[in-house]
């Protein structure tokens, strides 16, 4: 296998991994829709999901644009119900 095909496969694997990466896990069943996280998000990526009502009777938060999320964790810091699990973005290998 040539170095070129290995490099192309590596780029494809990185692209697939980036596409599958979700920076936030939201426990929608615990969210009370207080919107503190909406105000705290510097990129305005969070909003209430008006189409869903959880078991507590609230509209939970949803992440609108996962690729734009930087995993800053401001949302998790202000959330009184600890509904967010924040994941760091995957490390990329240095180009050789």
N, C-alpha and C. Protein backbone atom coordinates (compact mmCIF):
# COMPACT_ATOMS: atom_id res chain seq x y z
N UNK A 1 0.84 -1.17 0.00
CA UNK A 1 0.00 0.00 0.00
C UNK A 1 0.89 1.23 0.00
N UNK A 2 0.56 2.19 -0.83
CA UNK A 2 1.39 3.38 -0.93
C UNK A 2 1.11 4.35 0.21
N UNK A 3 2.07 5.25 0.44
CA UNK A 3 1.91 6.26 1.48
C UNK A 3 0.73 7.17 1.18
N UNK A 4 0.49 7.43 -0.09
CA UNK A 4 -0.61 8.30 -0.48
C UNK A 4 -1.96 7.69 -0.09
N UNK A 5 -2.14 6.40 -0.33
CA UNK A 5 -3.42 5.77 0.01
C UNK A 5 -3.61 5.69 1.52
N UNK A 6 -2.54 5.50 2.28
CA UNK A 6 -2.63 5.49 3.74
C UNK A 6 -3.05 6.87 4.23
N UNK A 7 -2.43 7.93 3.68
CA UNK A 7 -2.75 9.29 4.07
C UNK A 7 -4.20 9.63 3.74
N UNK A 8 -4.68 9.20 2.58
CA UNK A 8 -6.07 9.45 2.19
C UNK A 8 -7.02 8.73 3.12
N UNK A 9 -6.70 7.51 3.47
CA UNK A 9 -7.55 6.76 4.41
C UNK A 9 -7.55 7.42 5.78
N UNK A 10 -6.42 7.94 6.21
CA UNK A 10 -6.35 8.62 7.50
C UNK A 10 -7.24 9.85 7.51
N UNK A 11 -7.19 10.62 6.44
CA UNK A 11 -8.05 11.81 6.34
C UNK A 11 -9.52 11.44 6.35
N UNK A 12 -9.86 10.36 5.66
CA UNK A 12 -11.25 9.92 5.62
C UNK A 12 -11.70 9.45 7.01
N UNK A 13 -10.82 8.76 7.73
CA UNK A 13 -11.15 8.30 9.08
C UNK A 13 -11.35 9.48 10.03
N UNK A 14 -10.50 10.50 9.90
CA UNK A 14 -10.63 11.69 10.75
C UNK A 14 -11.93 12.41 10.44
N UNK A 15 -12.27 12.55 9.16
CA UNK A 15 -13.51 13.21 8.77
C UNK A 15 -14.72 12.46 9.30
N UNK A 16 -14.69 11.13 9.22
CA UNK A 16 -15.80 10.33 9.74
C UNK A 16 -15.91 10.45 11.24
N UNK A 17 -14.78 10.50 11.93
CA UNK A 17 -14.78 10.63 13.39
C UNK A 17 -15.33 11.99 13.79
N UNK A 18 -14.93 13.06 13.08
CA UNK A 18 -15.43 14.40 13.37
C UNK A 18 -16.93 14.48 13.16
N UNK A 19 -17.43 13.84 12.12
CA UNK A 19 -18.86 13.88 11.82
C UNK A 19 -19.67 13.17 12.90
N UNK A 20 -19.11 12.14 13.50
CA UNK A 20 -19.82 11.37 14.51
C UNK A 20 -19.67 11.94 15.91
N UNK A 21 -18.76 12.87 16.11
CA UNK A 21 -18.49 13.42 17.43
C UNK A 21 -19.62 14.32 17.90
N UNK A 22 -20.09 14.09 19.11
CA UNK A 22 -21.10 14.94 19.74
C UNK A 22 -20.49 15.50 21.02
N UNK A 23 -20.32 16.82 21.09
CA UNK A 23 -19.64 17.43 22.23
C UNK A 23 -20.46 17.46 23.51
N UNK A 24 -21.77 17.37 23.39
CA UNK A 24 -22.64 17.44 24.57
C UNK A 24 -23.59 16.26 24.61
N UNK A 25 -23.74 15.74 25.81
CA UNK A 25 -24.80 14.77 26.05
C UNK A 25 -25.76 15.49 27.00
N UNK A 26 -27.03 15.53 26.64
CA UNK A 26 -28.01 16.26 27.43
C UNK A 26 -29.01 15.27 28.00
N UNK A 27 -29.13 15.26 29.33
CA UNK A 27 -30.11 14.41 30.00
C UNK A 27 -31.45 15.13 29.97
N UNK A 28 -32.15 15.01 28.87
CA UNK A 28 -33.40 15.73 28.65
C UNK A 28 -34.46 15.41 29.69
N UNK A 29 -34.39 14.23 30.26
CA UNK A 29 -35.39 13.83 31.25
C UNK A 29 -35.27 14.62 32.56
N UNK A 30 -34.09 15.23 32.82
CA UNK A 30 -33.89 16.02 34.04
C UNK A 30 -33.98 17.52 33.81
N UNK A 31 -34.02 17.96 32.57
CA UNK A 31 -34.00 19.38 32.23
C UNK A 31 -35.32 20.04 32.59
N UNK A 32 -35.25 21.18 33.28
CA UNK A 32 -36.45 21.93 33.66
C UNK A 32 -36.66 23.16 32.78
N UNK A 33 -35.86 23.31 31.74
CA UNK A 33 -36.07 24.38 30.78
C UNK A 33 -35.87 25.78 31.32
N UNK A 34 -34.95 25.95 32.26
CA UNK A 34 -34.74 27.27 32.87
C UNK A 34 -34.03 28.24 31.92
N UNK A 35 -33.37 27.72 30.92
CA UNK A 35 -32.67 28.49 29.88
C UNK A 35 -31.44 29.25 30.37
N UNK A 36 -30.91 28.91 31.53
CA UNK A 36 -29.65 29.51 31.97
C UNK A 36 -28.52 29.16 31.01
N UNK A 37 -28.54 27.94 30.52
CA UNK A 37 -27.51 27.50 29.57
C UNK A 37 -27.61 28.24 28.24
N UNK A 38 -28.83 28.57 27.83
CA UNK A 38 -29.02 29.31 26.58
C UNK A 38 -28.33 30.66 26.68
N UNK A 39 -28.50 31.32 27.82
CA UNK A 39 -27.87 32.62 28.03
C UNK A 39 -26.35 32.50 28.16
N UNK A 40 -25.87 31.38 28.70
CA UNK A 40 -24.43 31.20 28.94
C UNK A 40 -23.66 30.79 27.69
N UNK A 41 -24.31 30.21 26.72
CA UNK A 41 -23.61 29.71 25.52
C UNK A 41 -23.12 30.88 24.67
N UNK A 42 -21.78 31.02 24.53
CA UNK A 42 -21.25 32.16 23.77
C UNK A 42 -21.53 32.08 22.27
N UNK A 43 -21.90 30.91 21.78
CA UNK A 43 -22.14 30.74 20.34
C UNK A 43 -23.63 30.58 20.01
N UNK A 44 -24.49 30.67 21.01
CA UNK A 44 -25.95 30.61 20.82
C UNK A 44 -26.36 29.31 20.12
N UNK A 45 -25.85 28.19 20.64
CA UNK A 45 -26.11 26.89 20.02
C UNK A 45 -27.20 26.09 20.73
N UNK A 46 -27.70 26.59 21.85
CA UNK A 46 -28.70 25.88 22.63
C UNK A 46 -30.03 26.61 22.58
N UNK A 47 -31.11 25.82 22.57
CA UNK A 47 -32.46 26.40 22.60
C UNK A 47 -33.41 25.34 23.15
N UNK A 48 -34.56 25.80 23.62
CA UNK A 48 -35.58 24.87 24.08
C UNK A 48 -36.13 24.10 22.88
N UNK A 49 -36.38 22.83 23.09
CA UNK A 49 -37.01 21.99 22.06
C UNK A 49 -38.51 22.10 22.26
N UNK A 50 -39.15 22.95 21.52
CA UNK A 50 -40.59 23.23 21.69
C UNK A 50 -41.47 22.06 21.21
N UNK A 51 -40.88 21.07 20.56
CA UNK A 51 -41.65 19.93 20.07
C UNK A 51 -41.69 18.77 21.06
N UNK A 52 -40.93 18.88 22.15
CA UNK A 52 -40.82 17.78 23.11
C UNK A 52 -41.18 18.28 24.51
N UNK A 53 -41.88 17.45 25.25
CA UNK A 53 -42.15 17.71 26.66
C UNK A 53 -41.66 16.49 27.42
N UNK A 54 -40.77 16.70 28.40
CA UNK A 54 -40.23 15.56 29.14
C UNK A 54 -41.20 15.11 30.24
N UNK A 55 -40.82 14.10 31.00
CA UNK A 55 -41.68 13.53 32.04
C UNK A 55 -41.97 14.53 33.16
N UNK A 56 -41.12 15.55 33.29
CA UNK A 56 -41.35 16.58 34.32
C UNK A 56 -42.32 17.65 33.83
N UNK A 57 -42.66 17.62 32.54
CA UNK A 57 -43.59 18.58 31.98
C UNK A 57 -42.93 19.82 31.40
N UNK A 58 -41.62 19.76 31.14
CA UNK A 58 -40.88 20.91 30.61
C UNK A 58 -40.37 20.63 29.20
N UNK A 59 -40.13 21.71 28.48
CA UNK A 59 -39.44 21.60 27.19
C UNK A 59 -37.95 21.55 27.49
N UNK A 60 -37.27 20.46 27.12
CA UNK A 60 -35.83 20.37 27.41
C UNK A 60 -34.98 21.14 26.41
N UNK A 61 -33.74 21.31 26.75
CA UNK A 61 -32.77 21.99 25.90
C UNK A 61 -32.28 21.03 24.82
N UNK A 62 -31.95 21.59 23.66
CA UNK A 62 -31.32 20.80 22.61
C UNK A 62 -30.17 21.60 22.00
N UNK A 63 -29.19 20.89 21.51
CA UNK A 63 -28.04 21.47 20.83
C UNK A 63 -28.36 21.54 19.35
N UNK A 64 -28.31 22.74 18.77
CA UNK A 64 -28.70 22.92 17.37
C UNK A 64 -27.59 22.64 16.37
N UNK A 65 -26.35 22.97 16.71
CA UNK A 65 -25.26 22.86 15.74
C UNK A 65 -24.04 22.24 16.42
N UNK A 66 -24.03 20.92 16.54
CA UNK A 66 -22.97 20.22 17.25
C UNK A 66 -21.56 20.51 16.73
N UNK A 67 -21.34 20.58 15.42
CA UNK A 67 -19.97 20.86 14.94
C UNK A 67 -19.43 22.23 15.37
N UNK A 68 -20.31 23.17 15.67
CA UNK A 68 -19.86 24.50 16.09
C UNK A 68 -19.58 24.59 17.58
N UNK A 69 -19.98 23.59 18.34
CA UNK A 69 -19.76 23.57 19.79
C UNK A 69 -18.27 23.37 20.08
N UNK A 70 -17.71 24.21 20.96
CA UNK A 70 -16.29 24.15 21.30
C UNK A 70 -16.02 23.38 22.59
N UNK A 71 -17.03 22.82 23.21
CA UNK A 71 -16.91 22.11 24.49
C UNK A 71 -16.41 23.03 25.60
N UNK A 72 -16.82 24.28 25.57
CA UNK A 72 -16.37 25.25 26.57
C UNK A 72 -16.94 24.95 27.96
N UNK A 73 -18.05 24.26 28.03
CA UNK A 73 -18.69 23.83 29.27
C UNK A 73 -19.36 24.95 30.06
N UNK A 74 -19.55 26.12 29.46
CA UNK A 74 -20.28 27.18 30.17
C UNK A 74 -21.69 26.72 30.50
N UNK A 75 -22.31 25.99 29.60
CA UNK A 75 -23.66 25.48 29.84
C UNK A 75 -23.70 24.58 31.07
N UNK A 76 -22.73 23.70 31.17
CA UNK A 76 -22.69 22.76 32.29
C UNK A 76 -22.42 23.47 33.62
N UNK A 77 -21.65 24.53 33.57
CA UNK A 77 -21.32 25.27 34.79
C UNK A 77 -22.53 25.98 35.39
N UNK A 78 -23.43 26.46 34.55
CA UNK A 78 -24.57 27.22 35.06
C UNK A 78 -25.81 26.36 35.29
N UNK A 79 -25.81 25.13 34.83
CA UNK A 79 -27.01 24.29 34.92
C UNK A 79 -27.25 23.82 36.36
N UNK A 80 -28.38 24.20 36.94
CA UNK A 80 -28.67 23.78 38.33
C UNK A 80 -29.05 22.31 38.44
N UNK A 81 -29.40 21.68 37.33
CA UNK A 81 -29.84 20.29 37.35
C UNK A 81 -28.81 19.31 36.80
N UNK A 82 -27.63 19.81 36.46
CA UNK A 82 -26.52 18.98 35.97
C UNK A 82 -26.95 18.05 34.84
N UNK A 83 -27.57 18.62 33.81
CA UNK A 83 -28.05 17.79 32.70
C UNK A 83 -27.01 17.59 31.61
N UNK A 84 -25.89 18.32 31.66
CA UNK A 84 -24.90 18.26 30.59
C UNK A 84 -23.71 17.39 30.95
N UNK A 85 -23.28 16.58 30.00
CA UNK A 85 -22.00 15.91 30.04
C UNK A 85 -21.24 16.45 28.84
N UNK A 86 -20.09 17.08 29.10
CA UNK A 86 -19.33 17.73 28.03
C UNK A 86 -18.13 16.86 27.68
N UNK A 87 -17.94 16.63 26.41
CA UNK A 87 -16.83 15.83 25.92
C UNK A 87 -15.84 16.72 25.18
N UNK A 88 -14.57 16.50 25.41
CA UNK A 88 -13.52 17.22 24.69
C UNK A 88 -13.47 16.73 23.26
N UNK A 89 -13.17 17.64 22.33
CA UNK A 89 -13.05 17.19 20.94
C UNK A 89 -11.90 16.20 20.77
N UNK A 90 -12.04 15.27 19.83
CA UNK A 90 -10.96 14.30 19.63
C UNK A 90 -9.68 14.99 19.16
N UNK A 91 -8.55 14.49 19.63
CA UNK A 91 -7.26 15.04 19.22
C UNK A 91 -6.97 14.59 17.81
N UNK A 92 -6.41 15.49 17.05
CA UNK A 92 -6.00 15.15 15.68
C UNK A 92 -4.51 14.81 15.68
N UNK A 93 -4.17 13.85 14.84
CA UNK A 93 -2.75 13.49 14.72
C UNK A 93 -2.03 14.57 13.93
N UNK A 94 -0.82 14.85 14.33
CA UNK A 94 0.00 15.86 13.61
C UNK A 94 0.32 15.35 12.22
N UNK A 95 0.29 16.25 11.26
CA UNK A 95 0.63 15.88 9.88
C UNK A 95 2.11 15.55 9.79
N UNK A 96 2.41 14.51 9.05
CA UNK A 96 3.81 14.09 8.94
C UNK A 96 4.42 14.59 7.68
